[in-house]
């Protein structure tokens, strides 16, 4: 007998490959819409799954994400920059604070912009 057990999307992504799946989506995006959608999915999954956040820190995946941003800098617009600031923690619409809550993301994503 098979039993269906529903899981959140963030848990499913964690089971099938973790942050590497999301980084792969970002790397494969070729236009602004795909880039925005993949970054948005990345941010949403990280905000809802603490285990993925720890995995990103453990594997230093923010460096890879920074390199992907550098490679695709021609696709970055204000919406993607806003998502990046949300990921870093400088924009928190719930608490109305401007504290940096993710120093690794801040260092590799925002401090590396030219």
PDB file of N, CA and C in Angstrom:
ATOM      1  N   UNK A   1       0.845  -1.172   0.000  1.00  0.00           N
ATOM      2  CA  UNK A   1       0.000   0.000   0.000  1.00  0.00           C
ATOM      3  C   UNK A   1       0.893   1.238   0.000  1.00  0.00           C
ATOM      4  N   UNK A   2       0.637   2.115  -0.939  1.00  0.00           N
ATOM      5  CA  UNK A   2       1.383   3.367  -1.006  1.00  0.00           C
ATOM      6  C   UNK A   2       0.634   4.435  -0.236  1.00  0.00           C
ATOM      7  N   UNK A   3       1.385   5.251   0.445  1.00  0.00           N
ATOM      8  CA  UNK A   3       0.800   6.340   1.221  1.00  0.00           C
ATOM      9  C   UNK A   3       1.412   7.642   0.749  1.00  0.00           C
ATOM     10  N   UNK A   4       0.568   8.603   0.474  1.00  0.00           N
ATOM     11  CA  UNK A   4       1.033   9.927   0.069  1.00  0.00           C
ATOM     12  C   UNK A   4       1.248  10.772   1.314  1.00  0.00           C
ATOM     13  N   UNK A   5       2.451  11.281   1.465  1.00  0.00           N
ATOM     14  CA  UNK A   5       2.765  12.168   2.577  1.00  0.00           C
ATOM     15  C   UNK A   5       3.177  13.507   1.983  1.00  0.00           C
ATOM     16  N   UNK A   6       2.348  14.521   2.141  1.00  0.00           N
ATOM     17  CA  UNK A   6       2.682  15.822   1.555  1.00  0.00           C
ATOM     18  C   UNK A   6       3.850  16.478   2.288  1.00  0.00           C
ATOM     19  N   UNK A   7       4.714  17.094   1.527  1.00  0.00           N
ATOM     20  CA  UNK A   7       5.853  17.839   2.060  1.00  0.00           C
ATOM     21  C   UNK A   7       5.872  19.220   1.435  1.00  0.00           C
ATOM     22  N   UNK A   8       6.382  20.199   2.156  1.00  0.00           N
ATOM     23  CA  UNK A   8       6.559  21.519   1.541  1.00  0.00           C
ATOM     24  C   UNK A   8       7.586  21.441   0.405  1.00  0.00           C
ATOM     25  N   UNK A   9       7.492  22.361  -0.519  1.00  0.00           N
ATOM     26  CA  UNK A   9       8.414  22.385  -1.662  1.00  0.00           C
ATOM     27  C   UNK A   9       9.855  22.507  -1.187  1.00  0.00           C
ATOM     28  N   UNK A  10      10.089  23.321  -0.159  1.00  0.00           N
ATOM     29  CA  UNK A  10      11.459  23.507   0.318  1.00  0.00           C
ATOM     30  C   UNK A  10      12.051  22.203   0.837  1.00  0.00           C
ATOM     31  N   UNK A  11      11.251  21.366   1.482  1.00  0.00           N
ATOM     32  CA  UNK A  11      11.735  20.065   1.947  1.00  0.00           C
ATOM     33  C   UNK A  11      12.002  19.129   0.772  1.00  0.00           C
ATOM     34  N   UNK A  12      11.143  19.168  -0.235  1.00  0.00           N
ATOM     35  CA  UNK A  12      11.328  18.325  -1.414  1.00  0.00           C
ATOM     36  C   UNK A  12      12.610  18.696  -2.143  1.00  0.00           C
ATOM     37  N   UNK A  13      12.856  19.997  -2.308  1.00  0.00           N
ATOM     38  CA  UNK A  13      14.099  20.456  -2.940  1.00  0.00           C
ATOM     39  C   UNK A  13      15.300  20.006  -2.117  1.00  0.00           C
ATOM     40  N   UNK A  14      15.175  20.073  -0.801  1.00  0.00           N
ATOM     41  CA  UNK A  14      16.265  19.624   0.071  1.00  0.00           C
ATOM     42  C   UNK A  14      16.570  18.144  -0.156  1.00  0.00           C
ATOM     43  N   UNK A  15      15.540  17.330  -0.336  1.00  0.00           N
ATOM     44  CA  UNK A  15      15.726  15.891  -0.528  1.00  0.00           C
ATOM     45  C   UNK A  15      16.333  15.543  -1.880  1.00  0.00           C
ATOM     46  N   UNK A  16      16.010  16.309  -2.925  1.00  0.00           N
ATOM     47  CA  UNK A  16      16.483  15.926  -4.262  1.00  0.00           C
ATOM     48  C   UNK A  16      17.804  16.565  -4.664  1.00  0.00           C
ATOM     49  N   UNK A  17      18.383  17.399  -3.821  1.00  0.00           N
ATOM     50  CA  UNK A  17      19.670  17.961  -4.189  1.00  0.00           C
ATOM     51  C   UNK A  17      20.077  19.193  -3.426  1.00  0.00           C
ATOM     52  N   UNK A  18      19.193  19.710  -2.628  1.00  0.00           N
ATOM     53  CA  UNK A  18      19.527  20.858  -1.797  1.00  0.00           C
ATOM     54  C   UNK A  18      19.778  22.122  -2.594  1.00  0.00           C
ATOM     55  N   UNK A  19      20.689  22.941  -2.102  1.00  0.00           N
ATOM     56  CA  UNK A  19      20.952  24.225  -2.750  1.00  0.00           C
ATOM     57  C   UNK A  19      21.502  24.096  -4.163  1.00  0.00           C
ATOM     58  N   UNK A  20      22.120  22.961  -4.463  1.00  0.00           N
ATOM     59  CA  UNK A  20      22.693  22.787  -5.801  1.00  0.00           C
ATOM     60  C   UNK A  20      21.623  22.810  -6.889  1.00  0.00           C
ATOM     61  N   UNK A  21      20.438  22.321  -6.571  1.00  0.00           N
ATOM     62  CA  UNK A  21      19.336  22.354  -7.535  1.00  0.00           C
ATOM     63  C   UNK A  21      18.969  23.800  -7.846  1.00  0.00           C
ATOM     64  N   UNK A  22      18.865  24.614  -6.806  1.00  0.00           N
ATOM     65  CA  UNK A  22      18.487  26.012  -6.996  1.00  0.00           C
ATOM     66  C   UNK A  22      19.598  26.788  -7.706  1.00  0.00           C
ATOM     67  N   UNK A  23      20.841  26.508  -7.350  1.00  0.00           N
ATOM     68  CA  UNK A  23      21.955  27.167  -8.040  1.00  0.00           C
ATOM     69  C   UNK A  23      21.987  26.759  -9.512  1.00  0.00           C
ATOM     70  N   UNK A  24      21.624  25.519  -9.797  1.00  0.00           N
ATOM     71  CA  UNK A  24      21.541  25.067 -11.185  1.00  0.00           C
ATOM     72  C   UNK A  24      20.480  25.813 -11.972  1.00  0.00           C
ATOM     73  N   UNK A  25      19.335  26.069 -11.340  1.00  0.00           N
ATOM     74  CA  UNK A  25      18.290  26.851 -12.006  1.00  0.00           C
ATOM     75  C   UNK A  25      18.769  28.262 -12.314  1.00  0.00           C
ATOM     76  N   UNK A  26      19.466  28.860 -11.357  1.00  0.00           N
ATOM     77  CA  UNK A  26      19.988  30.214 -11.575  1.00  0.00           C
ATOM     78  C   UNK A  26      21.022  30.197 -12.692  1.00  0.00           C
ATOM     79  N   UNK A  27      21.890  29.189 -12.698  1.00  0.00           N
ATOM     80  CA  UNK A  27      22.930  29.105 -13.725  1.00  0.00           C
ATOM     81  C   UNK A  27      22.348  28.895 -15.120  1.00  0.00           C
ATOM     82  N   UNK A  28      21.229  28.185 -15.230  1.00  0.00           N
ATOM     83  CA  UNK A  28      20.639  27.900 -16.538  1.00  0.00           C
ATOM     84  C   UNK A  28      19.762  29.022 -17.072  1.00  0.00           C
ATOM     85  N   UNK A  29      19.471  30.021 -16.269  1.00  0.00           N
ATOM     86  CA  UNK A  29      18.584  31.091 -16.740  1.00  0.00           C
ATOM     87  C   UNK A  29      19.290  31.941 -17.790  1.00  0.00           C
ATOM     88  N   UNK A  30      18.563  32.219 -18.880  1.00  0.00           N
ATOM     89  CA  UNK A  30      19.143  32.952 -20.003  1.00  0.00           C
ATOM     90  C   UNK A  30      18.538  34.325 -20.226  1.00  0.00           C
ATOM     91  N   UNK A  31      17.400  34.592 -19.617  1.00  0.00           N
ATOM     92  CA  UNK A  31      16.783  35.904 -19.781  1.00  0.00           C
ATOM     93  C   UNK A  31      16.371  36.455 -18.417  1.00  0.00           C
ATOM     94  N   UNK A  32      15.923  37.695 -18.410  1.00  0.00           N
ATOM     95  CA  UNK A  32      15.614  38.374 -17.150  1.00  0.00           C
ATOM     96  C   UNK A  32      14.485  37.672 -16.404  1.00  0.00           C
ATOM     97  N   UNK A  33      13.469  37.217 -17.123  1.00  0.00           N
ATOM     98  CA  UNK A  33      12.330  36.576 -16.474  1.00  0.00           C
ATOM     99  C   UNK A  33      12.741  35.274 -15.790  1.00  0.00           C
ATOM    100  N   UNK A  34      13.522  34.456 -16.473  1.00  0.00           N
ATOM    101  CA  UNK A  34      13.975  33.193 -15.887  1.00  0.00           C
ATOM    102  C   UNK A  34      14.926  33.441 -14.724  1.00  0.00           C
ATOM    103  N   UNK A  35      15.788  34.443 -14.865  1.00  0.00           N
ATOM    104  CA  UNK A  35      16.723  34.776 -13.793  1.00  0.00           C
ATOM    105  C   UNK A  35      15.961  35.246 -12.558  1.00  0.00           C
ATOM    106  N   UNK A  36      14.976  36.118 -12.766  1.00  0.00           N
ATOM    107  CA  UNK A  36      14.174  36.610 -11.645  1.00  0.00           C
ATOM    108  C   UNK A  36      13.420  35.462 -10.979  1.00  0.00           C
ATOM    109  N   UNK A  37      12.807  34.595 -11.768  1.00  0.00           N
ATOM    110  CA  UNK A  37      12.034  33.482 -11.211  1.00  0.00           C
ATOM    111  C   UNK A  37      12.922  32.533 -10.413  1.00  0.00           C
ATOM    112  N   UNK A  38      14.113  32.248 -10.908  1.00  0.00           N
ATOM    113  CA  UNK A  38      14.996  31.327 -10.194  1.00  0.00           C
ATOM    114  C   UNK A  38      15.543  31.949  -8.914  1.00  0.00           C
ATOM    115  N   UNK A  39      15.877  33.233  -8.949  1.00  0.00           N
ATOM    116  CA  UNK A  39      16.348  33.908  -7.732  1.00  0.00           C
ATOM    117  C   UNK A  39      15.209  34.004  -6.722  1.00  0.00           C
ATOM    118  N   UNK A  40      14.004  34.297  -7.185  1.00  0.00           N
ATOM    119  CA  UNK A  40      12.835  34.373  -6.299  1.00  0.00           C
ATOM    120  C   UNK A  40      12.583  33.025  -5.631  1.00  0.00           C
ATOM    121  N   UNK A  41      12.642  31.940  -6.386  1.00  0.00           N
ATOM    122  CA  UNK A  41      12.459  30.606  -5.815  1.00  0.00           C
ATOM    123  C   UNK A  41      13.556  30.299  -4.801  1.00  0.00           C
ATOM    124  N   UNK A  42      14.785  30.673  -5.123  1.00  0.00           N
ATOM    125  CA  UNK A  42      15.918  30.467  -4.227  1.00  0.00           C
ATOM    126  C   UNK A  42      15.686  31.177  -2.898  1.00  0.00           C
ATOM    127  N   UNK A  43      15.282  32.442  -2.959  1.00  0.00           N
ATOM    128  CA  UNK A  43      15.057  33.234  -1.746  1.00  0.00           C
ATOM    129  C   UNK A  43      13.899  32.655  -0.938  1.00  0.00           C
ATOM    130  N   UNK A  44      12.817  32.301  -1.593  1.00  0.00           N
ATOM    131  CA  UNK A  44      11.648  31.749  -0.891  1.00  0.00           C
ATOM    132  C   UNK A  44      11.979  30.438  -0.190  1.00  0.00           C
ATOM    133  N   UNK A  45      12.729  29.591  -0.848  1.00  0.00           N
ATOM    134  CA  UNK A  45      13.090  28.310  -0.242  1.00  0.00           C
ATOM    135  C   UNK A  45      14.030  28.522   0.935  1.00  0.00           C
ATOM    136  N   UNK A  46      14.970  29.441   0.802  1.00  0.00           N
ATOM    137  CA  UNK A  46      15.874  29.696   1.918  1.00  0.00           C
ATOM    138  C   UNK A  46      15.162  30.317   3.108  1.00  0.00           C
ATOM    139  N   UNK A  47      14.192  31.169   2.841  1.00  0.00           N
ATOM    140  CA  UNK A  47      13.452  31.797   3.935  1.00  0.00           C
ATOM    141  C   UNK A  47      12.590  30.792   4.689  1.00  0.00           C
ATOM    142  N   UNK A  48      12.199  29.704   4.050  1.00  0.00           N
ATOM    143  CA  UNK A  48      11.295  28.752   4.690  1.00  0.00           C
ATOM    144  C   UNK A  48      11.984  27.474   5.170  1.00  0.00           C
ATOM    145  N   UNK A  49      13.292  27.335   4.949  1.00  0.00           N
ATOM    146  CA  UNK A  49      13.973  26.100   5.314  1.00  0.00           C
ATOM    147  C   UNK A  49      15.326  26.416   5.943  1.00  0.00           C
ATOM    148  N   UNK A  50      15.400  26.310   7.251  1.00  0.00           N
ATOM    149  CA  UNK A  50      16.641  26.601   7.986  1.00  0.00           C
ATOM    150  C   UNK A  50      17.755  25.614   7.634  1.00  0.00           C
ATOM    151  N   UNK A  51      17.386  24.369   7.362  1.00  0.00           N
ATOM    152  CA  UNK A  51      18.397  23.370   7.010  1.00  0.00           C
ATOM    153  C   UNK A  51      19.126  23.751   5.719  1.00  0.00           C
ATOM    154  N   UNK A  52      18.401  24.295   4.754  1.00  0.00           N
ATOM    155  CA  UNK A  52      19.030  24.744   3.502  1.00  0.00           C
ATOM    156  C   UNK A  52      19.966  25.918   3.773  1.00  0.00           C
ATOM    157  N   UNK A  53      19.593  26.799   4.690  1.00  0.00           N
ATOM    158  CA  UNK A  53      20.463  27.920   5.042  1.00  0.00           C
ATOM    159  C   UNK A  53      21.776  27.414   5.625  1.00  0.00           C
ATOM    160  N   UNK A  54      21.695  26.433   6.510  1.00  0.00           N
ATOM    161  CA  UNK A  54      22.910  25.857   7.097  1.00  0.00           C
ATOM    162  C   UNK A  54      23.757  25.142   6.043  1.00  0.00           C
ATOM    163  N   UNK A  55      23.102  24.476   5.118  1.00  0.00           N
ATOM    164  CA  UNK A  55      23.822  23.783   4.041  1.00  0.00           C
ATOM    165  C   UNK A  55      24.553  24.779   3.140  1.00  0.00           C
ATOM    166  N   UNK A  56      23.922  25.913   2.857  1.00  0.00           N
ATOM    167  CA  UNK A  56      24.580  26.948   2.052  1.00  0.00           C
ATOM    168  C   UNK A  56      25.822  27.475   2.747  1.00  0.00           C
ATOM    169  N   UNK A  57      25.732  27.680   4.048  1.00  0.00           N
ATOM    170  CA  UNK A  57      26.894  28.157   4.800  1.00  0.00           C
ATOM    171  C   UNK A  57      27.981  27.091   4.848  1.00  0.00           C
ATOM    172  N   UNK A  58      27.591  25.837   5.058  1.00  0.00           N
ATOM    173  CA  UNK A  58      28.559  24.750   5.164  1.00  0.00           C
ATOM    174  C   UNK A  58      29.335  24.544   3.870  1.00  0.00           C
ATOM    175  N   UNK A  59      28.647  24.635   2.739  1.00  0.00           N
ATOM    176  CA  UNK A  59      29.287  24.388   1.448  1.00  0.00           C
ATOM    177  C   UNK A  59      29.807  25.663   0.780  1.00  0.00           C
ATOM    178  N   UNK A  60      29.652  26.785   1.456  1.00  0.00           N
ATOM    179  CA  UNK A  60      30.077  28.093   0.923  1.00  0.00           C
ATOM    180  C   UNK A  60      29.437  28.377  -0.434  1.00  0.00           C
ATOM    181  N   UNK A  61      28.174  28.033  -0.543  1.00  0.00           N
ATOM    182  CA  UNK A  61      27.458  28.199  -1.810  1.00  0.00           C
ATOM    183  C   UNK A  61      27.167  29.660  -2.128  1.00  0.00           C
ATOM    184  N   UNK A  62      27.273  30.541  -1.133  1.00  0.00           N
ATOM    185  CA  UNK A  62      27.083  31.960  -1.426  1.00  0.00           C
ATOM    186  C   UNK A  62      28.183  32.478  -2.352  1.00  0.00           C
ATOM    187  N   UNK A  63      29.370  31.887  -2.280  1.00  0.00           N
ATOM    188  CA  UNK A  63      30.436  32.250  -3.215  1.00  0.00           C
ATOM    189  C   UNK A  63      30.045  31.865  -4.638  1.00  0.00           C
ATOM    190  N   UNK A  64      29.470  30.698  -4.796  1.00  0.00           N
ATOM    191  CA  UNK A  64      29.014  30.259  -6.121  1.00  0.00           C
ATOM    192  C   UNK A  64      27.912  31.171  -6.621  1.00  0.00           C
ATOM    193  N   UNK A  65      26.977  31.514  -5.738  1.00  0.00           N
ATOM    194  CA  UNK A  65      25.901  32.422  -6.123  1.00  0.00           C
ATOM    195  C   UNK A  65      26.463  33.784  -6.515  1.00  0.00           C
ATOM    196  N   UNK A  66      27.471  34.254  -5.794  1.00  0.00           N
ATOM    197  CA  UNK A  66      28.119  35.513  -6.154  1.00  0.00           C
ATOM    198  C   UNK A  66      28.760  35.451  -7.534  1.00  0.00           C
ATOM    199  N   UNK A  67      29.397  34.336  -7.847  1.00  0.00           N
ATOM    200  CA  UNK A  67      29.992  34.166  -9.177  1.00  0.00           C
ATOM    201  C   UNK A  67      28.922  34.111 -10.265  1.00  0.00           C
ATOM    202  N   UNK A  68      27.804  33.469  -9.963  1.00  0.00           N
ATOM    203  CA  UNK A  68      26.701  33.439 -10.932  1.00  0.00           C
ATOM    204  C   UNK A  68      26.142  34.837 -11.162  1.00  0.00           C
ATOM    205  N   UNK A  69      26.025  35.619 -10.090  1.00  0.00           N
ATOM    206  CA  UNK A  69      25.562  37.000 -10.236  1.00  0.00           C
ATOM    207  C   UNK A  69      26.548  37.807 -11.069  1.00  0.00           C
ATOM    208  N   UNK A  70      27.830  37.592 -10.844  1.00  0.00           N
ATOM    209  CA  UNK A  70      28.846  38.308 -11.615  1.00  0.00           C
ATOM    210  C   UNK A  70      28.776  37.913 -13.090  1.00  0.00           C
ATOM    211  N   UNK A  71      28.594  36.634 -13.349  1.00  0.00           N
ATOM    212  CA  UNK A  71      28.504  36.145 -14.724  1.00  0.00           C
ATOM    213  C   UNK A  71      27.247  36.663 -15.426  1.00  0.00           C
ATOM    214  N   UNK A  72      26.179  36.833 -14.679  1.00  0.00           N
ATOM    215  CA  UNK A  72      24.901  37.257 -15.252  1.00  0.00           C
ATOM    216  C   UNK A  72      24.547  38.683 -14.846  1.00  0.00           C
ATOM    217  N   UNK A  73      25.539  39.515 -14.633  1.00  0.00           N
ATOM    218  CA  UNK A  73      25.290  40.884 -14.164  1.00  0.00           C
ATOM    219  C   UNK A  73      24.465  41.701 -15.153  1.00  0.00           C
ATOM    220  N   UNK A  74      24.490  41.343 -16.424  1.00  0.00           N
ATOM    221  CA  UNK A  74      23.684  42.058 -17.417  1.00  0.00           C
ATOM    222  C   UNK A  74      22.193  41.771 -17.241  1.00  0.00           C
ATOM    223  N   UNK A  75      21.835  40.741 -16.465  1.00  0.00           N
ATOM    224  CA  UNK A  75      20.433  40.411 -16.209  1.00  0.00           C
ATOM    225  C   UNK A  75      19.904  41.014 -14.904  1.00  0.00           C
ATOM    226  N   UNK A  76      20.792  41.585 -14.105  1.00  0.00           N
ATOM    227  CA  UNK A  76      20.368  42.100 -12.801  1.00  0.00           C
ATOM    228  C   UNK A  76      19.635  43.418 -12.980  1.00  0.00           C
ATOM    229  N   UNK A  77      18.439  43.481 -12.390  1.00  0.00           N
ATOM    230  CA  UNK A  77      17.659  44.714 -12.389  1.00  0.00           C
ATOM    231  C   UNK A  77      17.267  45.039 -10.948  1.00  0.00           C
ATOM    232  N   UNK A  78      16.437  46.052 -10.771  1.00  0.00           N
ATOM    233  CA  UNK A  78      16.081  46.486  -9.418  1.00  0.00           C
ATOM    234  C   UNK A  78      15.298  45.417  -8.657  1.00  0.00           C
ATOM    235  N   UNK A  79      14.515  44.614  -9.349  1.00  0.00           N
ATOM    236  CA  UNK A  79      13.739  43.570  -8.677  1.00  0.00           C
ATOM    237  C   UNK A  79      14.654  42.470  -8.132  1.00  0.00           C
ATOM    238  N   UNK A  80      15.649  42.108  -8.906  1.00  0.00           N
ATOM    239  CA  UNK A  80      16.592  41.078  -8.461  1.00  0.00           C
ATOM    240  C   UNK A  80      17.474  41.625  -7.346  1.00  0.00           C
ATOM    241  N   UNK A  81      17.838  42.884  -7.437  1.00  0.00           N
ATOM    242  CA  UNK A  81      18.605  43.505  -6.359  1.00  0.00           C
ATOM    243  C   UNK A  81      17.783  43.544  -5.071  1.00  0.00           C
ATOM    244  N   UNK A  82      16.492  43.807  -5.177  1.00  0.00           N
ATOM    245  CA  UNK A  82      15.613  43.794  -4.007  1.00  0.00           C
ATOM    246  C   UNK A  82      15.542  42.396  -3.395  1.00  0.00           C
ATOM    247  N   UNK A  83      15.443  41.366  -4.229  1.00  0.00           N
ATOM    248  CA  UNK A  83      15.458  39.990  -3.724  1.00  0.00           C
ATOM    249  C   UNK A  83      16.777  39.671  -3.030  1.00  0.00           C
ATOM    250  N   UNK A  84      17.868  40.163  -3.591  1.00  0.00           N
ATOM    251  CA  UNK A  84      19.181  39.939  -2.989  1.00  0.00           C
ATOM    252  C   UNK A  84      19.268  40.608  -1.629  1.00  0.00           C
ATOM    253  N   UNK A  85      18.764  41.820  -1.532  1.00  0.00           N
ATOM    254  CA  UNK A  85      18.752  42.518  -0.238  1.00  0.00           C
ATOM    255  C   UNK A  85      17.859  41.795   0.763  1.00  0.00           C
ATOM    256  N   UNK A  86      16.777  41.210   0.299  1.00  0.00           N
ATOM    257  CA  UNK A  86      15.910  40.416   1.170  1.00  0.00           C
ATOM    258  C   UNK A  86      16.653  39.183   1.669  1.00  0.00           C
ATOM    259  N   UNK A  87      17.400  38.533   0.789  1.00  0.00           N
ATOM    260  CA  UNK A  87      18.174  37.354   1.167  1.00  0.00           C
ATOM    261  C   UNK A  87      19.244  37.698   2.194  1.00  0.00           C
ATOM    262  N   UNK A  88      19.898  38.811   1.986  1.00  0.00           N
ATOM    263  CA  UNK A  88      20.961  39.242   2.892  1.00  0.00           C
ATOM    264  C   UNK A  88      20.384  39.654   4.242  1.00  0.00           C
ATOM    265  N   UNK A  89      19.184  40.180   4.225  1.00  0.00           N
ATOM    266  CA  UNK A  89      18.554  40.599   5.467  1.00  0.00           C
ATOM    267  C   UNK A  89      18.521  42.091   5.658  1.00  0.00           C
ATOM    268  N   UNK A  90      18.982  42.848   4.671  1.00  0.00           N
ATOM    269  CA  UNK A  90      18.962  44.301   4.817  1.00  0.00           C
ATOM    270  C   UNK A  90      17.570  44.871   4.606  1.00  0.00           C
ATOM    271  N   UNK A  91      16.684  44.107   3.993  1.00  0.00           N
ATOM    272  CA  UNK A  91      15.292  44.522   3.826  1.00  0.00           C
ATOM    273  C   UNK A  91      14.424  43.439   4.445  1.00  0.00           C
ATOM    274  N   UNK A  92      13.765  43.775   5.528  1.00  0.00           N
ATOM    275  CA  UNK A  92      12.850  42.844   6.176  1.00  0.00           C
ATOM    276  C   UNK A  92      11.507  43.534   6.321  1.00  0.00           C
ATOM    277  N   UNK A  93      10.577  43.180   5.463  1.00  0.00           N
ATOM    278  CA  UNK A  93       9.286  43.865   5.456  1.00  0.00           C
ATOM    279  C   UNK A  93       8.431  43.514   6.662  1.00  0.00           C
ATOM    280  N   UNK A  94       8.727  42.425   7.329  1.00  0.00           N
ATOM    281  CA  UNK A  94       7.928  42.032   8.492  1.00  0.00           C
ATOM    282  C   UNK A  94       8.323  42.849   9.718  1.00  0.00           C
ATOM    283  N   UNK A  95       9.611  42.996   9.958  1.00  0.00           N
ATOM    284  CA  UNK A  95      10.075  43.672  11.165  1.00  0.00           C
ATOM    285  C   UNK A  95      10.425  45.133  10.957  1.00  0.00           C
ATOM    286  N   UNK A  96      10.452  45.579   9.726  1.00  0.00           N
ATOM    287  CA  UNK A  96      10.833  46.964   9.423  1.00  0.00           C
ATOM    288  C   UNK A  96      12.231  47.297   9.961  1.00  0.00           C
ATOM    289  N   UNK A  97      13.144  46.341   9.866  1.00  0.00           N
ATOM    290  CA  UNK A  97      14.510  46.571  10.326  1.00  0.00           C
ATOM    291  C   UNK A  97      15.460  46.558   9.138  1.00  0.00           C
ATOM    292  N   UNK A  98      16.659  47.073   9.360  1.00  0.00           N
ATOM    293  CA  UNK A  98      17.661  47.092   8.299  1.00  0.00           C
ATOM    294  C   UNK A  98      18.961  46.438   8.756  1.00  0.00           C
ATOM    295  N   UNK A  99      18.893  45.482   9.647  1.00  0.00           N
ATOM    296  CA  UNK A  99      20.082  44.797  10.134  1.00  0.00           C
ATOM    297  C   UNK A  99      20.501  43.707   9.154  1.00  0.00           C
ATOM    298  N   UNK A 100      21.801  43.470   9.074  1.00  0.00           N
ATOM    299  CA  UNK A 100      22.330  42.395   8.228  1.00  0.00           C
ATOM    300  C   UNK A 100      22.228  41.097   9.021  1.00  0.00           C
ATOM    301  N   UNK A 101      21.360  40.217   8.586  1.00  0.00           N
ATOM    302  CA  UNK A 101      21.156  38.955   9.298  1.00  0.00           C
ATOM    303  C   UNK A 101      21.938  37.801   8.685  1.00  0.00           C
ATOM    304  N   UNK A 102      22.461  37.986   7.488  1.00  0.00           N
ATOM    305  CA  UNK A 102      23.195  36.923   6.806  1.00  0.00           C
ATOM    306  C   UNK A 102      24.512  37.511   6.297  1.00  0.00           C
ATOM    307  N   UNK A 103      25.518  37.467   7.145  1.00  0.00           N
ATOM    308  CA  UNK A 103      26.786  38.125   6.805  1.00  0.00           C
ATOM    309  C   UNK A 103      27.506  37.449   5.635  1.00  0.00           C
ATOM    310  N   UNK A 104      27.386  36.133   5.504  1.00  0.00           N
ATOM    311  CA  UNK A 104      28.045  35.440   4.383  1.00  0.00           C
ATOM    312  C   UNK A 104      27.440  35.876   3.056  1.00  0.00           C
ATOM    313  N   UNK A 105      26.121  35.957   3.001  1.00  0.00           N
ATOM    314  CA  UNK A 105      25.463  36.416   1.771  1.00  0.00           C
ATOM    315  C   UNK A 105      25.815  37.868   1.498  1.00  0.00           C
ATOM    316  N   UNK A 106      25.863  38.689   2.529  1.00  0.00           N
ATOM    317  CA  UNK A 106      26.220  40.099   2.360  1.00  0.00           C
ATOM    318  C   UNK A 106      27.619  40.225   1.772  1.00  0.00           C
ATOM    319  N   UNK A 107      28.547  39.471   2.328  1.00  0.00           N
ATOM    320  CA  UNK A 107      29.941  39.541   1.868  1.00  0.00           C
ATOM    321  C   UNK A 107      30.087  39.107   0.415  1.00  0.00           C
ATOM    322  N   UNK A 108      29.466  37.998   0.046  1.00  0.00           N
ATOM    323  CA  UNK A 108      29.692  37.432  -1.284  1.00  0.00           C
ATOM    324  C   UNK A 108      28.758  37.953  -2.362  1.00  0.00           C
ATOM    325  N   UNK A 109      27.627  38.537  -1.978  1.00  0.00           N
ATOM    326  CA  UNK A 109      26.680  39.020  -2.981  1.00  0.00           C
ATOM    327  C   UNK A 109      26.716  40.528  -3.144  1.00  0.00           C
ATOM    328  N   UNK A 110      26.664  41.264  -2.051  1.00  0.00           N
ATOM    329  CA  UNK A 110      26.586  42.718  -2.169  1.00  0.00           C
ATOM    330  C   UNK A 110      27.949  43.397  -2.145  1.00  0.00           C
ATOM    331  N   UNK A 111      28.889  42.877  -1.389  1.00  0.00           N
ATOM    332  CA  UNK A 111      30.210  43.514  -1.317  1.00  0.00           C
ATOM    333  C   UNK A 111      31.046  43.262  -2.565  1.00  0.00           C
ATOM    334  N   UNK A 112      30.677  42.296  -3.375  1.00  0.00           N
ATOM    335  CA  UNK A 112      31.440  41.963  -4.572  1.00  0.00           C
ATOM    336  C   UNK A 112      30.983  42.707  -5.817  1.00  0.00           C
ATOM    337  N   UNK A 113      29.885  43.491  -5.714  1.00  0.00           N
ATOM    338  CA  UNK A 113      29.425  44.246  -6.881  1.00  0.00           C
ATOM    339  C   UNK A 113      30.441  45.307  -7.252  1.00  0.00           C
ATOM    340  N   UNK A 114      30.631  45.500  -8.535  1.00  0.00           N
ATOM    341  CA  UNK A 114      31.587  46.500  -9.011  1.00  0.00           C
ATOM    342  C   UNK A 114      30.867  47.750  -9.436  1.00  0.00           C
TER     343      UNK A 114
END
